[in-house]
């Protein structure tokens, strides 16, 4: 069972609501699956109570459909969000056996993966996410699969974080990085959330 394994990822989050709002419309999910782990960042359209309500619907759907292929999972979220404000979101699924990450996004929840190569170099890959709104206008989905290994870092951030965060080196722990990005790149004109996850599975170890 997924609940019997140690998490593949060390996940940290930093967030804040738009000033004057009682709650944020930006949410995240980090859950174990039958094959590894799924993380997602969800931005309910706008801000405030209605944005938060839409994001919560997506959170619940990710949690209940987490073992589905990502395009199917995104379509389930789309169906569940019909009648709400809708949301933009990005989801990444990590497979312990293959040591691959697959991710898919809709709208402007940005993502970047820092991968440690065998020679120690760090390469960077950005999530390609088409425009659209989950719950209203779902575009053709483009899932990408990339190799991952110990020390790799993924960052997902809502549009309350300026895109300059992708140039930040993965040179600190996940929580320190998340706090630093929120402080340095939070716009202050919208809800903001940044998730930083570090892949920690030892080479060859599959629970």
N, C-alpha and C. Protein backbone atom coordinates (compact mmCIF):
# COMPACT_ATOMS: atom_id res chain seq x y z
N UNK A 1 0.84 -1.20 0.00
CA UNK A 1 0.00 0.00 0.00
C UNK A 1 0.87 1.24 0.00
N UNK A 2 0.34 2.32 -0.62
CA UNK A 2 1.12 3.55 -0.70
C UNK A 2 1.44 4.10 0.68
N UNK A 3 0.54 3.94 1.63
CA UNK A 3 0.75 4.51 2.95
C UNK A 3 1.84 3.83 3.75
N UNK A 4 2.36 2.67 3.25
CA UNK A 4 3.39 1.95 3.98
C UNK A 4 4.80 2.37 3.59
N UNK A 5 4.95 3.24 2.61
CA UNK A 5 6.26 3.63 2.14
C UNK A 5 6.63 5.02 2.63
N UNK A 6 7.92 5.26 2.79
CA UNK A 6 8.37 6.61 3.08
C UNK A 6 8.17 7.47 1.84
N UNK A 7 7.87 8.75 2.00
CA UNK A 7 7.67 9.63 0.84
C UNK A 7 8.93 9.71 -0.01
N UNK A 8 8.73 9.80 -1.34
CA UNK A 8 9.85 10.00 -2.25
C UNK A 8 10.35 11.43 -2.20
N UNK A 9 9.50 12.35 -1.77
CA UNK A 9 9.81 13.77 -1.85
C UNK A 9 9.79 14.42 -0.48
N UNK A 10 10.66 15.41 -0.31
CA UNK A 10 10.56 16.31 0.84
C UNK A 10 9.91 17.58 0.32
N UNK A 11 8.69 17.85 0.77
CA UNK A 11 7.86 18.92 0.21
C UNK A 11 7.73 20.06 1.21
N UNK A 12 7.95 21.28 0.73
CA UNK A 12 7.77 22.48 1.55
C UNK A 12 6.98 23.52 0.75
N UNK A 13 6.23 24.35 1.46
CA UNK A 13 5.36 25.33 0.83
C UNK A 13 5.46 26.66 1.58
N UNK A 14 5.41 27.74 0.82
CA UNK A 14 5.26 29.08 1.40
C UNK A 14 4.12 29.76 0.65
N UNK A 15 3.24 30.45 1.38
CA UNK A 15 2.08 31.05 0.73
C UNK A 15 1.59 32.25 1.53
N UNK A 16 0.80 33.08 0.88
CA UNK A 16 0.12 34.16 1.56
C UNK A 16 -1.09 34.59 0.73
N UNK A 17 -2.13 35.02 1.43
CA UNK A 17 -3.32 35.53 0.77
C UNK A 17 -3.12 36.99 0.38
N UNK A 18 -3.87 37.42 -0.61
CA UNK A 18 -3.88 38.83 -0.97
C UNK A 18 -4.30 39.65 0.24
N UNK A 19 -3.61 40.74 0.48
CA UNK A 19 -3.92 41.57 1.64
C UNK A 19 -5.39 41.99 1.61
N UNK A 20 -6.06 41.81 2.74
CA UNK A 20 -7.47 42.17 2.86
C UNK A 20 -8.42 41.00 2.68
N UNK A 21 -7.90 39.87 2.18
CA UNK A 21 -8.74 38.69 2.00
C UNK A 21 -8.62 37.77 3.21
N UNK A 22 -9.74 37.11 3.55
CA UNK A 22 -9.74 36.23 4.71
C UNK A 22 -9.01 34.92 4.43
N UNK A 23 -8.98 34.47 3.17
CA UNK A 23 -8.28 33.24 2.84
C UNK A 23 -7.76 33.32 1.42
N UNK A 24 -6.81 32.46 1.13
CA UNK A 24 -6.19 32.39 -0.18
C UNK A 24 -6.93 31.42 -1.09
N UNK A 25 -6.92 31.71 -2.38
CA UNK A 25 -7.45 30.79 -3.37
C UNK A 25 -6.39 29.87 -3.95
N UNK A 26 -5.17 29.94 -3.43
CA UNK A 26 -4.07 29.10 -3.90
C UNK A 26 -3.88 27.93 -2.92
N UNK A 27 -3.93 26.70 -3.44
CA UNK A 27 -3.83 25.49 -2.62
C UNK A 27 -2.79 24.54 -3.22
N UNK A 28 -2.39 23.56 -2.42
CA UNK A 28 -1.49 22.53 -2.93
C UNK A 28 -1.93 21.17 -2.42
N UNK A 29 -1.43 20.12 -3.08
CA UNK A 29 -1.66 18.74 -2.68
C UNK A 29 -0.32 18.01 -2.76
N UNK A 30 -0.05 17.14 -1.80
CA UNK A 30 1.11 16.24 -1.85
C UNK A 30 0.68 14.92 -1.23
N UNK A 31 0.50 13.89 -2.06
CA UNK A 31 -0.04 12.61 -1.59
C UNK A 31 0.72 11.43 -2.18
N UNK A 32 0.84 10.36 -1.42
CA UNK A 32 1.41 9.12 -1.92
C UNK A 32 0.42 8.46 -2.87
N UNK A 33 0.97 7.70 -3.82
CA UNK A 33 0.18 6.92 -4.76
C UNK A 33 0.64 5.47 -4.71
N UNK A 34 0.01 4.62 -5.52
CA UNK A 34 0.42 3.22 -5.57
C UNK A 34 1.82 3.05 -6.14
N UNK A 35 2.28 4.01 -6.93
CA UNK A 35 3.59 3.89 -7.58
C UNK A 35 4.60 4.93 -7.12
N UNK A 36 4.20 5.89 -6.29
CA UNK A 36 5.13 6.92 -5.86
C UNK A 36 4.45 8.06 -5.14
N UNK A 37 4.36 9.20 -5.81
CA UNK A 37 3.81 10.38 -5.15
C UNK A 37 3.34 11.39 -6.19
N UNK A 38 2.31 12.14 -5.85
CA UNK A 38 1.78 13.21 -6.70
C UNK A 38 1.79 14.51 -5.91
N UNK A 39 2.22 15.58 -6.58
CA UNK A 39 2.10 16.93 -6.02
C UNK A 39 1.37 17.79 -7.03
N UNK A 40 0.61 18.75 -6.54
CA UNK A 40 -0.12 19.67 -7.41
C UNK A 40 -0.24 21.03 -6.75
N UNK A 41 -0.27 22.06 -7.58
CA UNK A 41 -0.55 23.42 -7.12
C UNK A 41 -1.74 23.93 -7.91
N UNK A 42 -2.70 24.50 -7.20
CA UNK A 42 -3.98 24.89 -7.78
C UNK A 42 -4.26 26.34 -7.43
N UNK A 43 -4.66 27.11 -8.42
CA UNK A 43 -4.97 28.53 -8.25
C UNK A 43 -6.41 28.75 -8.68
N UNK A 44 -7.33 28.85 -7.70
CA UNK A 44 -8.71 29.18 -8.03
C UNK A 44 -8.78 30.58 -8.63
N UNK A 45 -9.57 30.75 -9.67
CA UNK A 45 -9.60 32.03 -10.38
C UNK A 45 -9.99 33.17 -9.44
N UNK A 46 -9.28 34.28 -9.57
CA UNK A 46 -9.52 35.43 -8.71
C UNK A 46 -8.89 35.20 -7.35
N UNK A 47 -9.60 35.65 -6.34
CA UNK A 47 -9.11 35.46 -4.97
C UNK A 47 -10.30 35.49 -4.02
N UNK A 48 -10.04 35.19 -2.77
CA UNK A 48 -11.11 35.21 -1.78
C UNK A 48 -11.86 33.89 -1.68
N UNK A 49 -13.05 33.97 -1.08
CA UNK A 49 -13.80 32.77 -0.70
C UNK A 49 -14.16 31.90 -1.89
N UNK A 50 -14.62 32.49 -2.99
CA UNK A 50 -15.04 31.69 -4.15
C UNK A 50 -13.86 31.03 -4.83
N UNK A 51 -12.73 31.71 -4.89
CA UNK A 51 -11.52 31.10 -5.45
C UNK A 51 -11.08 29.93 -4.59
N UNK A 52 -11.14 30.09 -3.28
CA UNK A 52 -10.76 29.01 -2.37
C UNK A 52 -11.70 27.82 -2.51
N UNK A 53 -12.99 28.08 -2.71
CA UNK A 53 -13.95 26.99 -2.86
C UNK A 53 -13.64 26.16 -4.11
N UNK A 54 -13.31 26.83 -5.21
CA UNK A 54 -12.95 26.11 -6.43
C UNK A 54 -11.69 25.29 -6.23
N UNK A 55 -10.68 25.89 -5.59
CA UNK A 55 -9.42 25.17 -5.37
C UNK A 55 -9.63 23.94 -4.50
N UNK A 56 -10.50 24.04 -3.50
CA UNK A 56 -10.75 22.88 -2.64
C UNK A 56 -11.38 21.72 -3.41
N UNK A 57 -12.24 22.03 -4.37
CA UNK A 57 -12.82 20.98 -5.20
C UNK A 57 -11.71 20.23 -5.94
N UNK A 58 -10.77 20.98 -6.51
CA UNK A 58 -9.66 20.35 -7.24
C UNK A 58 -8.77 19.54 -6.30
N UNK A 59 -8.52 20.05 -5.11
CA UNK A 59 -7.71 19.31 -4.13
C UNK A 59 -8.35 17.95 -3.84
N UNK A 60 -9.63 17.94 -3.58
CA UNK A 60 -10.31 16.68 -3.27
C UNK A 60 -10.25 15.71 -4.45
N UNK A 61 -10.39 16.23 -5.67
CA UNK A 61 -10.37 15.36 -6.83
C UNK A 61 -8.97 14.78 -7.06
N UNK A 62 -7.93 15.56 -6.85
CA UNK A 62 -6.57 15.03 -6.96
C UNK A 62 -6.36 13.93 -5.93
N UNK A 63 -6.83 14.15 -4.72
CA UNK A 63 -6.65 13.16 -3.66
C UNK A 63 -7.38 11.85 -3.98
N UNK A 64 -8.57 11.93 -4.54
CA UNK A 64 -9.35 10.72 -4.79
C UNK A 64 -8.99 10.03 -6.11
N UNK A 65 -8.39 10.76 -7.04
CA UNK A 65 -8.05 10.20 -8.36
C UNK A 65 -6.54 10.15 -8.58
N UNK A 66 -5.76 10.16 -7.52
CA UNK A 66 -4.31 10.35 -7.62
C UNK A 66 -3.58 9.24 -8.36
N UNK A 67 -4.18 8.04 -8.47
CA UNK A 67 -3.52 6.94 -9.17
C UNK A 67 -3.85 6.89 -10.66
N UNK A 68 -4.65 7.80 -11.13
CA UNK A 68 -4.99 7.86 -12.55
C UNK A 68 -3.83 8.48 -13.35
N UNK A 69 -3.69 8.15 -14.65
CA UNK A 69 -2.74 8.88 -15.49
C UNK A 69 -3.06 10.38 -15.45
N UNK A 70 -2.03 11.21 -15.53
CA UNK A 70 -2.25 12.64 -15.30
C UNK A 70 -3.26 13.28 -16.24
N UNK A 71 -3.27 13.00 -17.54
CA UNK A 71 -4.32 13.60 -18.37
C UNK A 71 -5.72 13.23 -17.90
N UNK A 72 -5.90 11.97 -17.49
CA UNK A 72 -7.20 11.54 -16.96
C UNK A 72 -7.51 12.26 -15.66
N UNK A 73 -6.52 12.39 -14.79
CA UNK A 73 -6.71 13.10 -13.54
C UNK A 73 -7.11 14.55 -13.79
N UNK A 74 -6.45 15.20 -14.74
CA UNK A 74 -6.79 16.59 -15.05
C UNK A 74 -8.22 16.70 -15.59
N UNK A 75 -8.62 15.72 -16.42
CA UNK A 75 -10.00 15.75 -16.93
C UNK A 75 -11.01 15.54 -15.81
N UNK A 76 -10.68 14.69 -14.83
CA UNK A 76 -11.56 14.53 -13.67
C UNK A 76 -11.70 15.85 -12.91
N UNK A 77 -10.60 16.55 -12.76
CA UNK A 77 -10.65 17.86 -12.09
C UNK A 77 -11.53 18.83 -12.88
N UNK A 78 -11.37 18.80 -14.20
CA UNK A 78 -12.18 19.68 -15.06
C UNK A 78 -13.68 19.40 -14.86
N UNK A 79 -14.05 18.14 -14.87
CA UNK A 79 -15.46 17.79 -14.68
C UNK A 79 -15.96 18.22 -13.31
N UNK A 80 -15.13 18.04 -12.28
CA UNK A 80 -15.54 18.39 -10.92
C UNK A 80 -15.69 19.90 -10.74
N UNK A 81 -14.92 20.68 -11.50
CA UNK A 81 -14.91 22.13 -11.33
C UNK A 81 -15.97 22.86 -12.16
N UNK A 82 -16.67 22.14 -13.03
CA UNK A 82 -17.75 22.77 -13.79
C UNK A 82 -18.77 23.36 -12.81
N UNK A 83 -19.15 24.59 -13.01
CA UNK A 83 -20.08 25.27 -12.11
C UNK A 83 -19.41 26.10 -11.04
N UNK A 84 -18.09 25.97 -10.91
CA UNK A 84 -17.32 26.83 -9.99
C UNK A 84 -16.65 27.94 -10.79
N UNK A 85 -15.87 28.76 -10.13
CA UNK A 85 -15.08 29.76 -10.84
C UNK A 85 -14.07 29.13 -11.79
N UNK A 86 -13.68 27.89 -11.50
CA UNK A 86 -12.62 27.26 -12.27
C UNK A 86 -11.26 27.55 -11.65
N UNK A 87 -10.25 26.94 -12.23
CA UNK A 87 -8.90 27.08 -11.68
C UNK A 87 -7.87 26.84 -12.78
N UNK A 88 -6.65 27.28 -12.50
CA UNK A 88 -5.50 26.83 -13.26
C UNK A 88 -4.67 25.98 -12.32
N UNK A 89 -3.94 25.00 -12.89
CA UNK A 89 -3.25 24.08 -12.00
C UNK A 89 -2.18 23.31 -12.75
N UNK A 90 -1.20 22.84 -11.99
CA UNK A 90 -0.16 21.97 -12.53
C UNK A 90 0.01 20.80 -11.57
N UNK A 91 0.23 19.60 -12.16
CA UNK A 91 0.34 18.36 -11.40
C UNK A 91 1.60 17.63 -11.84
N UNK A 92 2.33 17.08 -10.87
CA UNK A 92 3.50 16.25 -11.18
C UNK A 92 3.37 14.92 -10.44
N UNK A 93 3.64 13.83 -11.17
CA UNK A 93 3.55 12.49 -10.62
C UNK A 93 4.94 11.84 -10.69
N UNK A 94 5.38 11.28 -9.56
CA UNK A 94 6.70 10.65 -9.47
C UNK A 94 6.53 9.15 -9.33
N UNK A 95 7.24 8.38 -10.18
CA UNK A 95 7.17 6.94 -10.18
C UNK A 95 8.45 6.37 -9.58
N UNK A 96 8.31 5.59 -8.51
CA UNK A 96 9.48 5.08 -7.79
C UNK A 96 10.25 4.05 -8.61
N UNK A 97 9.56 3.19 -9.34
CA UNK A 97 10.23 2.11 -10.06
C UNK A 97 11.03 2.63 -11.25
N UNK A 98 10.42 3.50 -12.04
CA UNK A 98 11.09 4.02 -13.24
C UNK A 98 11.98 5.22 -12.98
N UNK A 99 11.82 5.83 -11.79
CA UNK A 99 12.52 7.07 -11.45
C UNK A 99 12.28 8.12 -12.53
N UNK A 100 11.01 8.29 -12.86
CA UNK A 100 10.58 9.31 -13.79
C UNK A 100 9.57 10.23 -13.12
N UNK A 101 9.49 11.45 -13.60
CA UNK A 101 8.45 12.38 -13.22
C UNK A 101 7.65 12.73 -14.47
N UNK A 102 6.33 12.66 -14.36
CA UNK A 102 5.45 13.13 -15.43
C UNK A 102 4.68 14.32 -14.90
N UNK A 103 4.60 15.38 -15.70
CA UNK A 103 3.84 16.54 -15.25
C UNK A 103 2.99 17.10 -16.37
N UNK A 104 1.93 17.79 -15.97
CA UNK A 104 1.00 18.40 -16.91
C UNK A 104 0.42 19.64 -16.25
N UNK A 105 0.15 20.66 -17.04
CA UNK A 105 -0.41 21.89 -16.49
C UNK A 105 -1.43 22.52 -17.42
N UNK A 106 -2.29 23.31 -16.84
CA UNK A 106 -3.25 24.13 -17.58
C UNK A 106 -3.21 25.52 -16.97
N UNK A 107 -2.86 26.51 -17.80
CA UNK A 107 -2.81 27.88 -17.31
C UNK A 107 -1.47 28.22 -16.69
N UNK A 108 -1.48 29.30 -15.90
CA UNK A 108 -0.22 29.93 -15.50
C UNK A 108 0.24 29.56 -14.09
N UNK A 109 0.19 28.27 -13.75
CA UNK A 109 0.93 27.77 -12.59
C UNK A 109 2.26 27.25 -13.15
N UNK A 110 3.33 28.01 -12.92
CA UNK A 110 4.62 27.71 -13.54
C UNK A 110 5.32 26.57 -12.82
N UNK A 111 6.15 25.85 -13.58
CA UNK A 111 6.91 24.76 -12.99
C UNK A 111 8.30 24.67 -13.58
N UNK A 112 9.26 24.28 -12.75
CA UNK A 112 10.64 24.06 -13.21
C UNK A 112 11.23 22.88 -12.45
N UNK A 113 11.98 22.04 -13.16
CA UNK A 113 12.68 20.91 -12.57
C UNK A 113 14.17 21.13 -12.71
N UNK A 114 14.90 21.08 -11.59
CA UNK A 114 16.35 21.11 -11.59
C UNK A 114 16.84 19.67 -11.43
N UNK A 115 17.54 19.16 -12.44
CA UNK A 115 17.98 17.76 -12.46
C UNK A 115 19.48 17.69 -12.31
N UNK A 116 19.94 16.86 -11.39
CA UNK A 116 21.37 16.66 -11.16
C UNK A 116 21.87 15.57 -12.10
N UNK A 117 22.72 15.94 -13.06
CA UNK A 117 23.28 14.97 -14.00
C UNK A 117 24.35 14.11 -13.32
N UNK A 118 24.73 13.02 -13.99
CA UNK A 118 25.72 12.10 -13.43
C UNK A 118 27.05 12.79 -13.16
N UNK A 119 27.39 13.80 -13.95
CA UNK A 119 28.66 14.51 -13.76
C UNK A 119 28.56 15.68 -12.78
N UNK A 120 27.37 15.82 -12.14
CA UNK A 120 27.19 16.87 -11.15
C UNK A 120 26.61 18.16 -11.68
N UNK A 121 26.55 18.30 -13.01
CA UNK A 121 25.92 19.50 -13.58
C UNK A 121 24.43 19.51 -13.26
N UNK A 122 23.87 20.71 -13.13
CA UNK A 122 22.44 20.85 -12.89
C UNK A 122 21.79 21.42 -14.15
N UNK A 123 20.85 20.67 -14.71
CA UNK A 123 20.11 21.13 -15.88
C UNK A 123 18.70 21.54 -15.44
N UNK A 124 18.07 22.36 -16.25
CA UNK A 124 16.77 22.91 -15.90
C UNK A 124 15.76 22.65 -17.01
N UNK A 125 14.57 22.18 -16.64
CA UNK A 125 13.49 21.95 -17.59
C UNK A 125 12.24 22.66 -17.09
N UNK A 126 11.57 23.37 -17.99
CA UNK A 126 10.37 24.12 -17.62
C UNK A 126 9.12 23.36 -18.06
N UNK A 127 8.09 23.44 -17.25
CA UNK A 127 6.79 22.87 -17.60
C UNK A 127 6.17 23.66 -18.74
N UNK A 128 5.70 22.94 -19.75
CA UNK A 128 4.98 23.56 -20.87
C UNK A 128 3.49 23.37 -20.61
N UNK A 129 2.79 24.47 -20.32
CA UNK A 129 1.37 24.39 -19.97
C UNK A 129 0.56 25.29 -20.89
N UNK A 130 -0.37 24.74 -21.65
CA UNK A 130 -1.20 25.57 -22.52
C UNK A 130 -2.17 26.42 -21.72
N UNK A 131 -2.63 27.49 -22.32
CA UNK A 131 -3.65 28.32 -21.68
C UNK A 131 -4.97 27.58 -21.58
N UNK A 132 -5.78 28.00 -20.65
CA UNK A 132 -7.08 27.38 -20.45
C UNK A 132 -7.52 27.54 -19.01
N UNK A 133 -8.70 27.05 -18.70
CA UNK A 133 -9.24 27.11 -17.35
C UNK A 133 -9.87 25.76 -17.04
N UNK A 134 -9.37 25.10 -16.01
CA UNK A 134 -9.93 23.82 -15.60
C UNK A 134 -11.32 24.08 -15.02
N UNK A 135 -12.32 23.43 -15.60
CA UNK A 135 -13.70 23.67 -15.21
C UNK A 135 -14.46 24.51 -16.22
N UNK A 136 -13.74 25.12 -17.16
CA UNK A 136 -14.40 25.93 -18.20
C UNK A 136 -13.92 25.57 -19.59
N UNK A 137 -12.63 25.78 -19.86
CA UNK A 137 -12.07 25.54 -21.19
C UNK A 137 -10.81 24.70 -21.05
N UNK A 138 -10.96 23.39 -21.18
CA UNK A 138 -9.82 22.50 -21.03
C UNK A 138 -9.12 22.34 -22.38
N UNK A 139 -7.86 22.71 -22.49
CA UNK A 139 -7.14 22.58 -23.76
C UNK A 139 -6.67 21.14 -23.96
N UNK A 140 -6.08 20.89 -25.13
CA UNK A 140 -5.39 19.62 -25.33
C UNK A 140 -4.24 19.53 -24.32
N UNK A 141 -4.14 18.41 -23.64
CA UNK A 141 -3.17 18.26 -22.55
C UNK A 141 -1.86 17.69 -23.07
N UNK A 142 -0.75 18.24 -22.56
CA UNK A 142 0.58 17.82 -22.99
C UNK A 142 1.37 17.34 -21.78
N UNK A 143 1.27 16.06 -21.49
CA UNK A 143 2.04 15.50 -20.38
C UNK A 143 3.48 15.28 -20.83
N UNK A 144 4.43 15.63 -20.00
CA UNK A 144 5.85 15.44 -20.28
C UNK A 144 6.42 14.50 -19.23
N UNK A 145 7.32 13.61 -19.64
CA UNK A 145 7.98 12.69 -18.71
C UNK A 145 9.48 12.94 -18.75
N UNK A 146 10.07 13.08 -17.56
CA UNK A 146 11.49 13.37 -17.42
C UNK A 146 12.10 12.46 -16.37
N UNK A 147 13.39 12.10 -16.50
CA UNK A 147 14.04 11.31 -15.46
C UNK A 147 14.31 12.16 -14.23
N UNK A 148 14.27 11.52 -13.07
CA UNK A 148 14.60 12.21 -11.81
C UNK A 148 15.51 11.31 -10.98
N UNK A 149 16.26 11.95 -10.09
CA UNK A 149 17.15 11.21 -9.21
C UNK A 149 17.34 11.96 -7.91
N UNK A 150 18.00 11.35 -6.96
CA UNK A 150 18.21 11.98 -5.66
C UNK A 150 18.84 13.37 -5.80
N UNK A 151 18.27 14.34 -5.08
CA UNK A 151 18.76 15.71 -5.12
C UNK A 151 18.05 16.59 -6.12
N UNK A 152 17.27 16.00 -7.04
CA UNK A 152 16.52 16.82 -7.99
C UNK A 152 15.47 17.65 -7.25
N UNK A 153 15.19 18.83 -7.78
CA UNK A 153 14.27 19.76 -7.13
C UNK A 153 13.22 20.22 -8.13
N UNK A 154 11.96 20.15 -7.74
CA UNK A 154 10.87 20.69 -8.55
C UNK A 154 10.25 21.86 -7.81
N UNK A 155 9.93 22.92 -8.57
CA UNK A 155 9.26 24.08 -8.01
C UNK A 155 8.00 24.34 -8.82
N UNK A 156 6.87 24.51 -8.15
CA UNK A 156 5.61 24.91 -8.76
C UNK A 156 5.15 26.19 -8.08
N UNK A 157 4.71 27.17 -8.86
CA UNK A 157 4.34 28.46 -8.28
C UNK A 157 3.15 29.06 -9.03
N UNK A 158 2.24 29.66 -8.28
CA UNK A 158 1.09 30.34 -8.88
C UNK A 158 1.53 31.69 -9.45
N UNK A 159 0.61 32.36 -10.14
CA UNK A 159 0.99 33.61 -10.81
C UNK A 159 1.09 34.79 -9.85
N UNK A 160 0.89 34.54 -8.56
CA UNK A 160 1.22 35.57 -7.58
C UNK A 160 2.71 35.64 -7.31
N UNK A 161 3.47 34.73 -7.93
CA UNK A 161 4.93 34.71 -7.88
C UNK A 161 5.44 35.08 -9.27
N UNK A 162 6.30 36.09 -9.37
CA UNK A 162 6.84 36.46 -10.68
C UNK A 162 7.76 35.36 -11.20
N UNK A 163 7.84 35.25 -12.53
CA UNK A 163 8.51 34.11 -13.14
C UNK A 163 10.03 34.13 -12.97
N UNK A 164 10.60 35.18 -12.44
CA UNK A 164 12.03 35.20 -12.18
C UNK A 164 12.49 34.12 -11.22
N UNK A 165 11.56 33.50 -10.51
CA UNK A 165 11.95 32.45 -9.55
C UNK A 165 12.64 31.29 -10.25
N UNK A 166 12.40 31.08 -11.54
CA UNK A 166 12.98 29.92 -12.23
C UNK A 166 14.50 30.03 -12.34
N UNK A 167 15.05 31.20 -12.11
CA UNK A 167 16.49 31.38 -12.17
C UNK A 167 17.16 31.16 -10.82
N UNK A 168 16.38 30.86 -9.78
CA UNK A 168 16.96 30.64 -8.46
C UNK A 168 17.66 29.29 -8.41
N UNK A 169 18.90 29.22 -7.99
CA UNK A 169 19.59 27.93 -7.92
C UNK A 169 19.04 27.09 -6.77
N UNK A 170 19.01 25.77 -6.93
CA UNK A 170 18.53 24.87 -5.87
C UNK A 170 19.62 24.62 -4.83
N UNK A 171 20.00 25.70 -4.15
CA UNK A 171 21.19 25.65 -3.29
C UNK A 171 20.85 25.68 -1.80
N UNK A 172 19.61 25.37 -1.46
CA UNK A 172 19.20 25.37 -0.06
C UNK A 172 18.14 24.30 0.14
N UNK A 173 17.73 24.08 1.39
CA UNK A 173 16.66 23.14 1.67
C UNK A 173 15.35 23.63 1.10
N UNK A 174 14.38 22.71 0.89
CA UNK A 174 13.10 23.10 0.28
C UNK A 174 12.38 24.23 1.00
N UNK A 175 12.30 24.19 2.35
CA UNK A 175 11.57 25.26 3.03
C UNK A 175 12.29 26.60 2.90
N UNK A 176 13.61 26.58 3.00
CA UNK A 176 14.36 27.83 2.84
C UNK A 176 14.17 28.39 1.44
N UNK A 177 14.17 27.52 0.43
CA UNK A 177 13.96 27.98 -0.94
C UNK A 177 12.56 28.56 -1.11
N UNK A 178 11.54 27.86 -0.57
CA UNK A 178 10.16 28.34 -0.71
C UNK A 178 9.99 29.71 -0.05
N UNK A 179 10.52 29.86 1.15
CA UNK A 179 10.42 31.14 1.85
C UNK A 179 11.14 32.25 1.09
N UNK A 180 12.31 31.92 0.56
CA UNK A 180 13.10 32.90 -0.18
C UNK A 180 12.38 33.36 -1.45
N UNK A 181 11.80 32.40 -2.17
CA UNK A 181 11.09 32.74 -3.40
C UNK A 181 9.87 33.60 -3.11
N UNK A 182 9.10 33.23 -2.09
CA UNK A 182 7.92 34.04 -1.76
C UNK A 182 8.32 35.46 -1.39
N UNK A 183 9.37 35.62 -0.61
CA UNK A 183 9.81 36.95 -0.20
C UNK A 183 10.34 37.75 -1.38
N UNK A 184 11.15 37.12 -2.22
CA UNK A 184 11.82 37.85 -3.29
C UNK A 184 10.93 38.07 -4.52
N UNK A 185 10.00 37.15 -4.78
CA UNK A 185 9.27 37.19 -6.04
C UNK A 185 7.75 37.29 -5.88
N UNK A 186 7.24 37.30 -4.64
CA UNK A 186 5.81 37.52 -4.45
C UNK A 186 5.40 38.90 -4.92
N UNK A 187 4.36 38.97 -5.72
CA UNK A 187 3.96 40.23 -6.35
C UNK A 187 3.23 41.16 -5.40
N UNK A 188 2.47 40.62 -4.46
CA UNK A 188 1.69 41.45 -3.56
C UNK A 188 0.37 41.92 -4.14
N UNK A 189 0.05 41.52 -5.38
CA UNK A 189 -1.20 41.94 -6.03
C UNK A 189 -2.17 40.77 -6.19
N UNK A 190 -1.83 39.61 -5.67
CA UNK A 190 -2.66 38.42 -5.80
C UNK A 190 -2.26 37.44 -4.70
N UNK A 191 -3.09 36.41 -4.49
CA UNK A 191 -2.65 35.30 -3.66
C UNK A 191 -1.36 34.74 -4.25
N UNK A 192 -0.54 34.14 -3.41
CA UNK A 192 0.72 33.59 -3.88
C UNK A 192 1.04 32.30 -3.15
N UNK A 193 1.53 31.31 -3.89
CA UNK A 193 1.95 30.05 -3.29
C UNK A 193 3.08 29.47 -4.11
N UNK A 194 4.11 28.98 -3.42
CA UNK A 194 5.21 28.27 -4.07
C UNK A 194 5.46 26.97 -3.33
N UNK A 195 5.56 25.89 -4.10
CA UNK A 195 5.86 24.57 -3.57
C UNK A 195 7.23 24.15 -4.07
N UNK A 196 8.07 23.71 -3.16
CA UNK A 196 9.41 23.19 -3.50
C UNK A 196 9.49 21.76 -2.99
N UNK A 197 9.83 20.83 -3.88
CA UNK A 197 9.92 19.42 -3.51
C UNK A 197 11.27 18.87 -3.96
N UNK A 198 11.92 18.15 -3.07
CA UNK A 198 13.20 17.52 -3.40
C UNK A 198 13.04 16.00 -3.42
N UNK A 199 13.51 15.41 -4.52
CA UNK A 199 13.43 13.96 -4.68
C UNK A 199 14.52 13.31 -3.84
N UNK A 200 14.12 12.37 -2.98
CA UNK A 200 15.06 11.86 -1.98
C UNK A 200 15.30 10.37 -2.06
N UNK A 201 14.67 9.67 -2.97
CA UNK A 201 14.84 8.21 -3.01
C UNK A 201 16.29 7.86 -3.32
N UNK A 202 16.87 6.97 -2.56
CA UNK A 202 18.24 6.51 -2.83
C UNK A 202 18.27 5.67 -4.09
N UNK A 203 19.39 5.72 -4.80
CA UNK A 203 19.54 4.97 -6.04
C UNK A 203 19.25 3.49 -5.80
N UNK A 204 18.36 2.93 -6.63
CA UNK A 204 18.07 1.51 -6.56
C UNK A 204 17.07 1.10 -5.50
N UNK A 205 16.65 2.05 -4.66
CA UNK A 205 15.72 1.70 -3.57
C UNK A 205 14.30 1.91 -4.00
N UNK A 206 13.56 0.85 -4.12
CA UNK A 206 12.14 0.91 -4.45
C UNK A 206 11.38 0.14 -3.38
N UNK A 207 10.52 0.85 -2.63
CA UNK A 207 9.79 0.20 -1.53
C UNK A 207 8.67 -0.68 -2.08
